[in-house]
């Protein structure tokens, strides 16, 4: 996500990873007007079959940002678990925790960084309905 943030000094990222991670990266990039290309690398006949079931006829096709994210109405959010260059990890303290989150919206191009304190005694009083 660093290449999404103006002033990070990162302009391009090249790598490999799973298809779900590629779609998440594409959603983040779409929020801030970035671009990417991707290609699936199925390793077994089962993975090729799954691609065909999802409507991907050519598993060697270069996928564009719009192939991966087919809407212009995207909201992306990520909360750090471990340390990264953009977000700090969860910090636990007696009675709670502090988290750092990034939230991005494609319609406005807004990028928000949230620094949140969670208090255990308050969270324990909430009940799902």
Protein backbone atom coordinates (compact mmCIF):
# COMPACT_ATOMS: atom_id res chain seq x y z
CA UNK A 1 0.00 0.00 0.00
CA UNK A 2 2.97 2.32 0.38
CA UNK A 3 2.92 3.26 -3.29
CA UNK A 4 -0.65 4.54 -2.72
CA UNK A 5 0.43 7.23 -0.29
CA UNK A 6 1.82 10.51 -1.59
CA UNK A 7 5.20 11.28 -0.08
CA UNK A 8 6.05 7.68 0.90
CA UNK A 9 8.93 7.59 -1.57
CA UNK A 10 7.64 4.30 -2.99
CA UNK A 11 6.50 4.55 -6.61
CA UNK A 12 6.25 0.92 -7.71
CA UNK A 13 5.97 -2.49 -6.09
CA UNK A 14 6.66 -5.82 -7.77
CA UNK A 15 5.91 -9.12 -6.11
CA UNK A 16 4.04 -12.37 -5.94
CA UNK A 17 1.22 -13.48 -3.72
CA UNK A 18 -2.18 -15.07 -3.59
CA UNK A 19 -5.20 -14.01 -5.62
CA UNK A 20 -7.16 -12.69 -2.60
CA UNK A 21 -4.21 -10.48 -1.64
CA UNK A 22 -4.03 -9.21 -5.22
CA UNK A 23 -7.68 -8.18 -5.15
CA UNK A 24 -7.16 -6.39 -1.81
CA UNK A 25 -4.17 -4.54 -3.24
CA UNK A 26 -6.22 -3.61 -6.31
CA UNK A 27 -9.02 -2.23 -4.10
CA UNK A 28 -6.55 -0.05 -2.21
CA UNK A 29 -4.99 1.21 -5.43
CA UNK A 30 -8.38 1.96 -6.96
CA UNK A 31 -9.18 4.19 -3.97
CA UNK A 32 -6.27 6.51 -4.69
CA UNK A 33 -6.11 6.40 -8.49
CA UNK A 34 -3.27 3.90 -8.72
CA UNK A 35 -2.87 1.12 -11.25
CA UNK A 36 -1.68 -2.46 -11.36
CA UNK A 37 -1.45 -5.51 -13.53
CA UNK A 38 -1.58 -9.09 -12.32
CA UNK A 39 -1.48 -12.60 -13.65
CA UNK A 40 -2.71 -15.79 -12.05
CA UNK A 41 -0.21 -18.60 -11.65
CA UNK A 42 -2.28 -21.75 -11.10
CA UNK A 43 -0.04 -24.67 -10.20
CA UNK A 44 -2.46 -27.60 -10.42
CA UNK A 45 -5.28 -28.78 -12.63
CA UNK A 46 -7.66 -28.12 -9.70
CA UNK A 47 -6.56 -24.46 -9.57
CA UNK A 48 -7.03 -24.14 -13.35
CA UNK A 49 -10.52 -25.64 -13.02
CA UNK A 50 -11.37 -23.13 -10.27
CA UNK A 51 -10.24 -20.27 -12.52
CA UNK A 52 -12.51 -21.52 -15.30
CA UNK A 53 -15.43 -21.79 -12.85
CA UNK A 54 -14.88 -18.13 -11.91
CA UNK A 55 -15.16 -17.13 -15.58
CA UNK A 56 -11.44 -16.82 -16.33
CA UNK A 57 -11.03 -18.58 -19.67
CA UNK A 58 -7.35 -17.70 -20.18
CA UNK A 59 -5.35 -18.29 -17.00
CA UNK A 60 -2.33 -16.56 -18.59
CA UNK A 61 -4.26 -13.35 -19.26
CA UNK A 62 -2.80 -10.15 -17.83
CA UNK A 63 -5.46 -8.77 -15.49
CA UNK A 64 -5.91 -5.03 -15.16
CA UNK A 65 -7.06 -3.04 -12.16
CA UNK A 66 -10.59 -2.97 -13.60
CA UNK A 67 -10.56 -6.75 -14.10
CA UNK A 68 -9.78 -7.16 -10.40
CA UNK A 69 -12.12 -4.44 -9.08
CA UNK A 70 -15.11 -3.85 -11.33
CA UNK A 71 -16.64 -0.88 -9.54
CA UNK A 72 -15.63 2.71 -8.86
CA UNK A 73 -17.31 2.65 -5.45
CA UNK A 74 -14.68 1.06 -3.21
CA UNK A 75 -13.90 1.44 0.47
CA UNK A 76 -10.71 -0.19 1.72
CA UNK A 77 -9.72 -0.55 5.37
CA UNK A 78 -6.79 -2.31 7.02
CA UNK A 79 -5.70 -2.45 10.65
CA UNK A 80 -2.10 -3.40 11.39
CA UNK A 81 -1.34 -6.46 13.44
CA UNK A 82 2.44 -6.27 13.07
CA UNK A 83 4.75 -3.34 12.28
CA UNK A 84 4.81 -2.01 8.74
CA UNK A 85 6.04 1.14 7.06
CA UNK A 86 2.60 2.79 7.08
CA UNK A 87 0.95 1.54 10.25
CA UNK A 88 2.08 0.71 13.76
CA UNK A 89 1.31 -2.69 15.29
CA UNK A 90 -1.28 -3.37 17.97
CA UNK A 91 -0.01 -2.14 21.32
CA UNK A 92 -1.50 -3.89 24.33
CA UNK A 93 -1.59 -2.20 27.71
CA UNK A 94 -3.26 -3.12 30.99
CA UNK A 95 -6.98 -2.75 30.35
CA UNK A 96 -6.92 -2.33 26.58
CA UNK A 97 -5.13 -1.90 23.30
CA UNK A 98 -4.21 0.73 20.73
CA UNK A 99 -4.61 0.09 16.98
CA UNK A 100 -3.66 1.92 13.81
CA UNK A 101 -5.92 1.70 10.75
CA UNK A 102 -5.96 3.10 7.24
CA UNK A 103 -9.33 3.75 5.53
CA UNK A 104 -9.53 4.79 1.87
CA UNK A 105 -12.50 5.68 -0.34
CA UNK A 106 -12.44 5.66 -4.13
CA UNK A 107 -15.28 8.15 -4.73
CA UNK A 108 -13.50 10.93 -2.85
CA UNK A 109 -9.87 9.77 -2.92
CA UNK A 110 -9.84 10.28 0.85
CA UNK A 111 -7.18 8.50 2.91
CA UNK A 112 -7.69 8.45 6.67
CA UNK A 113 -5.32 7.17 9.33
CA UNK A 114 -7.07 6.18 12.55
CA UNK A 115 -5.26 5.91 15.87
CA UNK A 116 -7.72 4.14 18.18
CA UNK A 117 -7.68 3.22 21.86
CA UNK A 118 -9.86 0.26 22.88
CA UNK A 119 -10.78 -0.08 26.57
CA UNK A 120 -11.51 -3.64 27.72
CA UNK A 121 -14.02 -2.65 30.38
CA UNK A 122 -16.13 -0.81 27.78
CA UNK A 123 -15.92 -3.57 25.17
CA UNK A 124 -17.05 -6.20 27.66
CA UNK A 125 -20.31 -4.30 28.27
CA UNK A 126 -21.30 -4.50 24.59
CA UNK A 127 -23.41 -7.45 23.50
CA UNK A 128 -24.23 -8.52 19.97
CA UNK A 129 -27.92 -8.31 19.23
